[in-house]
C-alpha atoms as a PDB file:
ATOM      1  CA  MET A   1     -33.783  -5.728 -54.191  1.00  0.00           C
ATOM      2  CA  SER A   2     -30.654  -6.878 -55.996  1.00  0.00           C
ATOM      3  CA  ARG A   3     -27.210  -6.840 -54.452  1.00  0.00           C
ATOM      4  CA  ALA A   4     -24.729  -4.301 -55.827  1.00  0.00           C
ATOM      5  CA  VAL A   5     -21.454  -6.164 -56.303  1.00  0.00           C
ATOM      6  CA  LEU A   6     -18.511  -3.848 -55.757  1.00  0.00           C
ATOM      7  CA  ILE A   7     -15.357  -4.137 -57.843  1.00  0.00           C
ATOM      8  CA  PRO A   8     -11.978  -2.392 -57.502  1.00  0.00           C
ATOM      9  CA  ASP A   9     -13.129   0.310 -59.960  1.00  0.00           C
ATOM     10  CA  SER A  10     -16.262   1.096 -57.906  1.00  0.00           C
ATOM     11  CA  ARG A  11     -16.418   4.603 -56.460  1.00  0.00           C
ATOM     12  CA  VAL A  12     -18.379   4.520 -53.234  1.00  0.00           C
ATOM     13  CA  SER A  13     -19.590   7.065 -50.725  1.00  0.00           C
ATOM     14  CA  LEU A  14     -21.744   6.917 -47.634  1.00  0.00           C
ATOM     15  CA  ALA A  15     -25.431   6.570 -48.415  1.00  0.00           C
ATOM     16  CA  ARG A  16     -27.608   9.640 -47.861  1.00  0.00           C
ATOM     17  CA  HIS A  17     -28.923   8.271 -44.581  1.00  0.00           C
ATOM     18  CA  ALA A  18     -25.476   7.341 -43.153  1.00  0.00           C
ATOM     19  CA  ARG A  19     -23.189   9.786 -41.350  1.00  0.00           C
ATOM     20  CA  LEU A  20     -19.666   9.409 -40.005  1.00  0.00           C
ATOM     21  CA  ARG A  21     -19.279  11.702 -37.000  1.00  0.00           C
ATOM     22  CA  PHE A  22     -16.713  12.156 -34.253  1.00  0.00           C
ATOM     23  CA  ASP A  23     -18.207  12.042 -30.768  1.00  0.00           C
ATOM     24  CA  GLY A  24     -16.026  14.403 -28.751  1.00  0.00           C
ATOM     25  CA  LEU A  25     -17.641  13.402 -25.478  1.00  0.00           C
ATOM     26  CA  ARG A  26     -16.723   9.738 -25.954  1.00  0.00           C
ATOM     27  CA  GLY A  27     -13.575  10.436 -27.971  1.00  0.00           C
ATOM     28  CA  ARG A  28     -14.455   8.083 -30.820  1.00  0.00           C
ATOM     29  CA  TRP A  29     -15.967   7.959 -34.284  1.00  0.00           C
ATOM     30  CA  MET A  30     -19.546   6.865 -34.822  1.00  0.00           C
ATOM     31  CA  LEU A  31     -21.263   5.640 -37.958  1.00  0.00           C
ATOM     32  CA  LEU A  32     -24.853   6.820 -37.645  1.00  0.00           C
ATOM     33  CA  VAL A  33     -27.407   4.875 -39.665  1.00  0.00           C
ATOM     34  CA  PRO A  34     -31.179   4.607 -39.222  1.00  0.00           C
ATOM     35  CA  GLU A  35     -31.965   3.203 -35.787  1.00  0.00           C
ATOM     36  CA  LYS A  36     -28.319   2.216 -35.200  1.00  0.00           C
ATOM     37  CA  VAL A  37     -25.065   3.686 -33.998  1.00  0.00           C
ATOM     38  CA  MET A  38     -21.945   1.772 -34.960  1.00  0.00           C
ATOM     39  CA  THR A  39     -18.455   2.344 -33.560  1.00  0.00           C
ATOM     40  CA  PRO A  40     -15.973   1.544 -36.338  1.00  0.00           C
ATOM     41  CA  ASP A  41     -12.329   0.869 -35.520  1.00  0.00           C
ATOM     42  CA  ASP A  42      -9.588   3.302 -36.590  1.00  0.00           C
ATOM     43  CA  ILE A  43      -8.825   1.549 -39.891  1.00  0.00           C
ATOM     44  CA  CYS A  44     -12.508   1.403 -40.829  1.00  0.00           C
ATOM     45  CA  VAL A  45     -12.799   5.139 -40.097  1.00  0.00           C
ATOM     46  CA  GLU A  46      -9.774   5.812 -42.293  1.00  0.00           C
ATOM     47  CA  ILE A  47     -11.332   3.804 -45.131  1.00  0.00           C
ATOM     48  CA  LEU A  48     -14.723   5.502 -44.764  1.00  0.00           C
ATOM     49  CA  GLN A  49     -13.090   8.936 -44.822  1.00  0.00           C
ATOM     50  CA  LEU A  50     -11.583   8.039 -48.206  1.00  0.00           C
ATOM     51  CA  CYS A  51     -14.982   6.991 -49.602  1.00  0.00           C
ATOM     52  CA  ASP A  52     -15.836  10.294 -51.265  1.00  0.00           C
ATOM     53  CA  GLY A  53     -17.510   8.985 -54.414  1.00  0.00           C
ATOM     54  CA  GLN A  54     -14.484  10.053 -56.469  1.00  0.00           C
ATOM     55  CA  ALA A  55     -11.747   7.637 -55.374  1.00  0.00           C
ATOM     56  CA  SER A  56     -12.000   4.064 -56.604  1.00  0.00           C
ATOM     57  CA  ILE A  57     -11.785   1.195 -54.154  1.00  0.00           C
ATOM     58  CA  ALA A  58      -8.470   0.272 -55.814  1.00  0.00           C
ATOM     59  CA  SER A  59      -7.055   3.755 -55.145  1.00  0.00           C
ATOM     60  CA  ILE A  60      -8.289   3.648 -51.540  1.00  0.00           C
ATOM     61  CA  ALA A  61      -6.502   0.317 -51.102  1.00  0.00           C
ATOM     62  CA  ALA A  62      -3.349   1.725 -52.751  1.00  0.00           C
ATOM     63  CA  THR A  63      -3.373   4.657 -50.316  1.00  0.00           C
ATOM     64  CA  LEU A  64      -3.523   2.240 -47.392  1.00  0.00           C
ATOM     65  CA  GLU A  65      -0.915  -0.102 -48.922  1.00  0.00           C
ATOM     66  CA  ALA A  66       1.506   2.849 -49.045  1.00  0.00           C
ATOM     67  CA  LYS A  67       0.927   3.462 -45.331  1.00  0.00           C
ATOM     68  CA  TYR A  68       0.682  -0.057 -43.858  1.00  0.00           C
ATOM     69  CA  VAL A  69       2.765  -3.199 -44.332  1.00  0.00           C
ATOM     70  CA  ALA A  70       0.935  -6.355 -45.393  1.00  0.00           C
ATOM     71  CA  PRO A  71       1.456  -9.188 -47.877  1.00  0.00           C
ATOM     72  CA  PRO A  72       0.519  -8.275 -51.477  1.00  0.00           C
ATOM     73  CA  GLY A  73      -3.209  -8.147 -52.077  1.00  0.00           C
ATOM     74  CA  VAL A  74      -4.264  -8.479 -48.436  1.00  0.00           C
ATOM     75  CA  ILE A  75      -5.180  -4.829 -47.895  1.00  0.00           C
ATOM     76  CA  ALA A  76      -7.007  -4.584 -51.227  1.00  0.00           C
ATOM     77  CA  ARG A  77      -9.025  -7.718 -50.437  1.00  0.00           C
ATOM     78  CA  GLU A  78      -9.875  -6.568 -46.905  1.00  0.00           C
ATOM     79  CA  VAL A  79     -10.902  -3.081 -48.072  1.00  0.00           C
ATOM     80  CA  LEU A  80     -13.160  -4.582 -50.741  1.00  0.00           C
ATOM     81  CA  ASP A  81     -14.658  -7.065 -48.233  1.00  0.00           C
ATOM     82  CA  LEU A  82     -15.382  -4.315 -45.694  1.00  0.00           C
ATOM     83  CA  LEU A  83     -16.945  -1.997 -48.257  1.00  0.00           C
ATOM     84  CA  GLN A  84     -19.003  -4.837 -49.760  1.00  0.00           C
ATOM     85  CA  ASP A  85     -20.376  -5.650 -46.303  1.00  0.00           C
ATOM     86  CA  LEU A  86     -21.299  -2.000 -45.678  1.00  0.00           C
ATOM     87  CA  SER A  87     -22.851  -1.783 -49.147  1.00  0.00           C
ATOM     88  CA  ASP A  88     -24.890  -4.945 -48.517  1.00  0.00           C
ATOM     89  CA  ARG A  89     -26.246  -3.307 -45.352  1.00  0.00           C
ATOM     90  CA  GLY A  90     -27.260  -0.241 -47.376  1.00  0.00           C
ATOM     91  CA  PHE A  91     -24.726   2.120 -45.797  1.00  0.00           C
ATOM     92  CA  LEU A  92     -22.773   2.843 -49.015  1.00  0.00           C
ATOM     93  CA  THR A  93     -23.705   3.935 -52.515  1.00  0.00           C
ATOM     94  CA  ASP A  94     -21.732   3.014 -55.637  1.00  0.00           C
ATOM     95  CA  ARG A  95     -21.505   6.327 -57.493  1.00  0.00           C
ATOM     96  CA  GLN A  96     -20.967   4.591 -60.842  1.00  0.00           C
ATOM     97  CA  VAL A  97     -24.323   2.830 -60.529  1.00  0.00           C
ATOM     98  CA  ALA A  98     -26.359   5.601 -58.855  1.00  0.00           C
END
């Protein structure tokens, strides 16, 4: 299996087998993937909620850059790194490749 390398123009969404759900009992978000339950932090949840298959990674980063203060390029790099890691684990699909 080859690795899908994400770029700022990539448009990603959760893979078919991955679900982002709010657990009201525990009061936190859960990323449900086969045989695993992950508890992403608030920023990760915000990023995943923007991954609709329509918005590019660059536009997701721009949305966050308008909301949070960080040196130029830091948010874009961190968003891309996070999404690449989730893609490598098989939790995201690049809609331009699919």
